[in-house]
């Protein structure tokens, strides 16, 4: 079985700026958003 990480939670000071970075800069699709909360879909993202 390959180790997996399913959810990462980040606290940010500026949600609007973080949204622009992750959605527009890293091209992660927005899966949902509400006041003070943002969910992005990283799909099969691999990090090293």
PDB file of N, CA and C in Angstrom:
ATOM      1  N   UNK A   1       0.838  -1.172   0.000  1.00  0.00           N
ATOM      2  CA  UNK A   1       0.000   0.000   0.000  1.00  0.00           C
ATOM      3  C   UNK A   1       0.892   1.249   0.000  1.00  0.00           C
ATOM      4  N   UNK A   2       0.605   2.152  -0.871  1.00  0.00           N
ATOM      5  CA  UNK A   2       1.365   3.399  -0.976  1.00  0.00           C
ATOM      6  C   UNK A   2       0.811   4.424   0.022  1.00  0.00           C
ATOM      7  N   UNK A   3       1.673   5.090   0.814  1.00  0.00           N
ATOM      8  CA  UNK A   3       1.191   6.112   1.744  1.00  0.00           C
ATOM      9  C   UNK A   3       0.536   7.269   0.990  1.00  0.00           C
ATOM     10  N   UNK A   4      -0.545   7.784   1.543  1.00  0.00           N
ATOM     11  CA  UNK A   4      -1.268   8.891   0.912  1.00  0.00           C
ATOM     12  C   UNK A   4      -1.629   9.951   1.936  1.00  0.00           C
ATOM     13  N   UNK A   5      -1.706  11.149   1.453  1.00  0.00           N
ATOM     14  CA  UNK A   5      -2.152  12.279   2.256  1.00  0.00           C
ATOM     15  C   UNK A   5      -3.405  12.807   1.576  1.00  0.00           C
ATOM     16  N   UNK A   6      -4.539  12.796   2.264  1.00  0.00           N
ATOM     17  CA  UNK A   6      -5.807  13.159   1.638  1.00  0.00           C
ATOM     18  C   UNK A   6      -6.214  14.612   1.824  1.00  0.00           C
ATOM     19  N   UNK A   7      -5.930  15.174   2.975  1.00  0.00           N
ATOM     20  CA  UNK A   7      -6.377  16.541   3.272  1.00  0.00           C
ATOM     21  C   UNK A   7      -5.240  17.311   3.931  1.00  0.00           C
ATOM     22  N   UNK A   8      -5.041  18.547   3.483  1.00  0.00           N
ATOM     23  CA  UNK A   8      -4.098  19.457   4.113  1.00  0.00           C
ATOM     24  C   UNK A   8      -4.880  20.709   4.490  1.00  0.00           C
ATOM     25  N   UNK A   9      -4.765  21.140   5.723  1.00  0.00           N
ATOM     26  CA  UNK A   9      -5.437  22.351   6.183  1.00  0.00           C
ATOM     27  C   UNK A   9      -4.381  23.415   6.450  1.00  0.00           C
ATOM     28  N   UNK A  10      -4.560  24.565   5.838  1.00  0.00           N
ATOM     29  CA  UNK A  10      -3.638  25.681   6.025  1.00  0.00           C
ATOM     30  C   UNK A  10      -4.381  26.872   6.603  1.00  0.00           C
ATOM     31  N   UNK A  11      -3.778  27.529   7.553  1.00  0.00           N
ATOM     32  CA  UNK A  11      -4.309  28.785   8.059  1.00  0.00           C
ATOM     33  C   UNK A  11      -3.583  29.926   7.359  1.00  0.00           C
ATOM     34  N   UNK A  12      -4.325  30.869   6.828  1.00  0.00           N
ATOM     35  CA  UNK A  12      -3.713  32.000   6.119  1.00  0.00           C
ATOM     36  C   UNK A  12      -4.249  33.308   6.681  1.00  0.00           C
ATOM     37  N   UNK A  13      -3.463  34.351   6.565  1.00  0.00           N
ATOM     38  CA  UNK A  13      -3.894  35.670   7.036  1.00  0.00           C
ATOM     39  C   UNK A  13      -4.816  36.358   6.041  1.00  0.00           C
ATOM     40  N   UNK A  14      -4.578  36.102   4.756  1.00  0.00           N
ATOM     41  CA  UNK A  14      -5.344  36.783   3.717  1.00  0.00           C
ATOM     42  C   UNK A  14      -5.929  35.731   2.768  1.00  0.00           C
ATOM     43  N   UNK A  15      -7.210  35.398   2.972  1.00  0.00           N
ATOM     44  CA  UNK A  15      -7.852  34.354   2.185  1.00  0.00           C
ATOM     45  C   UNK A  15      -7.942  34.727   0.707  1.00  0.00           C
ATOM     46  N   UNK A  16      -8.212  35.964   0.410  1.00  0.00           N
ATOM     47  CA  UNK A  16      -8.303  36.393  -0.993  1.00  0.00           C
ATOM     48  C   UNK A  16      -6.962  36.210  -1.706  1.00  0.00           C
ATOM     49  N   UNK A  17      -5.891  36.600  -1.052  1.00  0.00           N
ATOM     50  CA  UNK A  17      -4.551  36.448  -1.642  1.00  0.00           C
ATOM     51  C   UNK A  17      -4.185  34.971  -1.812  1.00  0.00           C
ATOM     52  N   UNK A  18      -4.512  34.151  -0.819  1.00  0.00           N
ATOM     53  CA  UNK A  18      -4.247  32.718  -0.906  1.00  0.00           C
ATOM     54  C   UNK A  18      -5.052  32.085  -2.040  1.00  0.00           C
ATOM     55  N   UNK A  19      -6.294  32.518  -2.206  1.00  0.00           N
ATOM     56  CA  UNK A  19      -7.127  32.009  -3.303  1.00  0.00           C
ATOM     57  C   UNK A  19      -6.486  32.296  -4.646  1.00  0.00           C
ATOM     58  N   UNK A  20      -6.034  33.510  -4.843  1.00  0.00           N
ATOM     59  CA  UNK A  20      -5.380  33.885  -6.105  1.00  0.00           C
ATOM     60  C   UNK A  20      -4.139  33.035  -6.332  1.00  0.00           C
ATOM     61  N   UNK A  21      -3.345  32.829  -5.295  1.00  0.00           N
ATOM     62  CA  UNK A  21      -2.121  32.043  -5.426  1.00  0.00           C
ATOM     63  C   UNK A  21      -2.409  30.592  -5.812  1.00  0.00           C
ATOM     64  N   UNK A  22      -3.260  29.925  -5.052  1.00  0.00           N
ATOM     65  CA  UNK A  22      -3.514  28.502  -5.297  1.00  0.00           C
ATOM     66  C   UNK A  22      -4.386  28.252  -6.529  1.00  0.00           C
ATOM     67  N   UNK A  23      -5.415  29.052  -6.723  1.00  0.00           N
ATOM     68  CA  UNK A  23      -6.315  28.840  -7.858  1.00  0.00           C
ATOM     69  C   UNK A  23      -5.698  29.320  -9.161  1.00  0.00           C
ATOM     70  N   UNK A  24      -5.192  30.541  -9.175  1.00  0.00           N
ATOM     71  CA  UNK A  24      -4.673  31.120 -10.415  1.00  0.00           C
ATOM     72  C   UNK A  24      -3.201  30.800 -10.638  1.00  0.00           C
ATOM     73  N   UNK A  25      -2.399  30.879  -9.587  1.00  0.00           N
ATOM     74  CA  UNK A  25      -0.969  30.643  -9.727  1.00  0.00           C
ATOM     75  C   UNK A  25      -0.612  29.178  -9.907  1.00  0.00           C
ATOM     76  N   UNK A  26      -1.203  28.303  -9.092  1.00  0.00           N
ATOM     77  CA  UNK A  26      -0.910  26.871  -9.178  1.00  0.00           C
ATOM     78  C   UNK A  26      -1.951  26.103  -9.995  1.00  0.00           C
ATOM     79  N   UNK A  27      -2.983  26.792 -10.456  1.00  0.00           N
ATOM     80  CA  UNK A  27      -4.049  26.208 -11.301  1.00  0.00           C
ATOM     81  C   UNK A  27      -4.790  25.062 -10.611  1.00  0.00           C
ATOM     82  N   UNK A  28      -4.985  25.165  -9.292  1.00  0.00           N
ATOM     83  CA  UNK A  28      -5.783  24.173  -8.577  1.00  0.00           C
ATOM     84  C   UNK A  28      -7.248  24.585  -8.669  1.00  0.00           C
ATOM     85  N   UNK A  29      -8.120  23.712  -9.176  1.00  0.00           N
ATOM     86  CA  UNK A  29      -9.526  24.079  -9.316  1.00  0.00           C
ATOM     87  C   UNK A  29     -10.214  24.257  -7.963  1.00  0.00           C
ATOM     88  N   UNK A  30     -11.042  25.264  -7.879  1.00  0.00           N
ATOM     89  CA  UNK A  30     -11.819  25.566  -6.683  1.00  0.00           C
ATOM     90  C   UNK A  30     -12.985  24.588  -6.608  1.00  0.00           C
ATOM     91  N   UNK A  31     -13.078  23.817  -5.525  1.00  0.00           N
ATOM     92  CA  UNK A  31     -14.190  22.880  -5.405  1.00  0.00           C
ATOM     93  C   UNK A  31     -15.346  23.466  -4.605  1.00  0.00           C
ATOM     94  N   UNK A  32     -15.052  24.354  -3.652  1.00  0.00           N
ATOM     95  CA  UNK A  32     -16.114  25.064  -2.930  1.00  0.00           C
ATOM     96  C   UNK A  32     -15.514  26.230  -2.159  1.00  0.00           C
ATOM     97  N   UNK A  33     -16.364  27.184  -1.851  1.00  0.00           N
ATOM     98  CA  UNK A  33     -15.930  28.349  -1.074  1.00  0.00           C
ATOM     99  C   UNK A  33     -17.110  28.882  -0.276  1.00  0.00           C
ATOM    100  N   UNK A  34     -16.822  29.350   0.919  1.00  0.00           N
ATOM    101  CA  UNK A  34     -17.805  30.019   1.752  1.00  0.00           C
ATOM    102  C   UNK A  34     -17.055  31.079   2.555  1.00  0.00           C
ATOM    103  N   UNK A  35     -17.753  31.822   3.361  1.00  0.00           N
ATOM    104  CA  UNK A  35     -17.121  32.879   4.139  1.00  0.00           C
ATOM    105  C   UNK A  35     -16.055  32.263   5.053  1.00  0.00           C
ATOM    106  N   UNK A  36     -14.801  32.629   4.839  1.00  0.00           N
ATOM    107  CA  UNK A  36     -13.712  32.162   5.674  1.00  0.00           C
ATOM    108  C   UNK A  36     -13.216  30.759   5.374  1.00  0.00           C
ATOM    109  N   UNK A  37     -13.691  30.144   4.292  1.00  0.00           N
ATOM    110  CA  UNK A  37     -13.305  28.766   3.984  1.00  0.00           C
ATOM    111  C   UNK A  37     -13.168  28.594   2.477  1.00  0.00           C
ATOM    112  N   UNK A  38     -12.194  27.804   2.082  1.00  0.00           N
ATOM    113  CA  UNK A  38     -11.903  27.582   0.670  1.00  0.00           C
ATOM    114  C   UNK A  38     -11.447  26.146   0.507  1.00  0.00           C
ATOM    115  N   UNK A  39     -11.974  25.452  -0.487  1.00  0.00           N
ATOM    116  CA  UNK A  39     -11.549  24.080  -0.760  1.00  0.00           C
ATOM    117  C   UNK A  39     -11.091  23.996  -2.206  1.00  0.00           C
ATOM    118  N   UNK A  40      -9.876  23.483  -2.380  1.00  0.00           N
ATOM    119  CA  UNK A  40      -9.287  23.319  -3.707  1.00  0.00           C
ATOM    120  C   UNK A  40      -9.072  21.838  -3.967  1.00  0.00           C
ATOM    121  N   UNK A  41      -9.153  21.449  -5.228  1.00  0.00           N
ATOM    122  CA  UNK A  41      -8.946  20.053  -5.606  1.00  0.00           C
ATOM    123  C   UNK A  41      -7.565  19.912  -6.229  1.00  0.00           C
ATOM    124  N   UNK A  42      -6.691  19.154  -5.555  1.00  0.00           N
ATOM    125  CA  UNK A  42      -5.331  18.948  -6.064  1.00  0.00           C
ATOM    126  C   UNK A  42      -5.227  17.688  -6.917  1.00  0.00           C
ATOM    127  N   UNK A  43      -6.321  16.928  -7.018  1.00  0.00           N
ATOM    128  CA  UNK A  43      -6.321  15.721  -7.855  1.00  0.00           C
ATOM    129  C   UNK A  43      -5.217  14.763  -7.465  1.00  0.00           C
ATOM    130  N   UNK A  44      -4.418  14.351  -8.413  1.00  0.00           N
ATOM    131  CA  UNK A  44      -3.324  13.405  -8.188  1.00  0.00           C
ATOM    132  C   UNK A  44      -1.987  14.137  -8.040  1.00  0.00           C
ATOM    133  N   UNK A  45      -1.999  15.289  -7.403  1.00  0.00           N
ATOM    134  CA  UNK A  45      -0.812  16.102  -7.206  1.00  0.00           C
ATOM    135  C   UNK A  45       0.272  15.310  -6.469  1.00  0.00           C
ATOM    136  N   UNK A  46       1.474  15.364  -6.980  1.00  0.00           N
ATOM    137  CA  UNK A  46       2.613  14.722  -6.322  1.00  0.00           C
ATOM    138  C   UNK A  46       3.611  15.809  -5.919  1.00  0.00           C
ATOM    139  N   UNK A  47       4.066  15.733  -4.691  1.00  0.00           N
ATOM    140  CA  UNK A  47       5.021  16.715  -4.186  1.00  0.00           C
ATOM    141  C   UNK A  47       6.282  15.991  -3.735  1.00  0.00           C
ATOM    142  N   UNK A  48       7.405  16.656  -3.887  1.00  0.00           N
ATOM    143  CA  UNK A  48       8.650  16.076  -3.387  1.00  0.00           C
ATOM    144  C   UNK A  48       9.546  17.170  -2.831  1.00  0.00           C
TER     145      UNK A  48
END
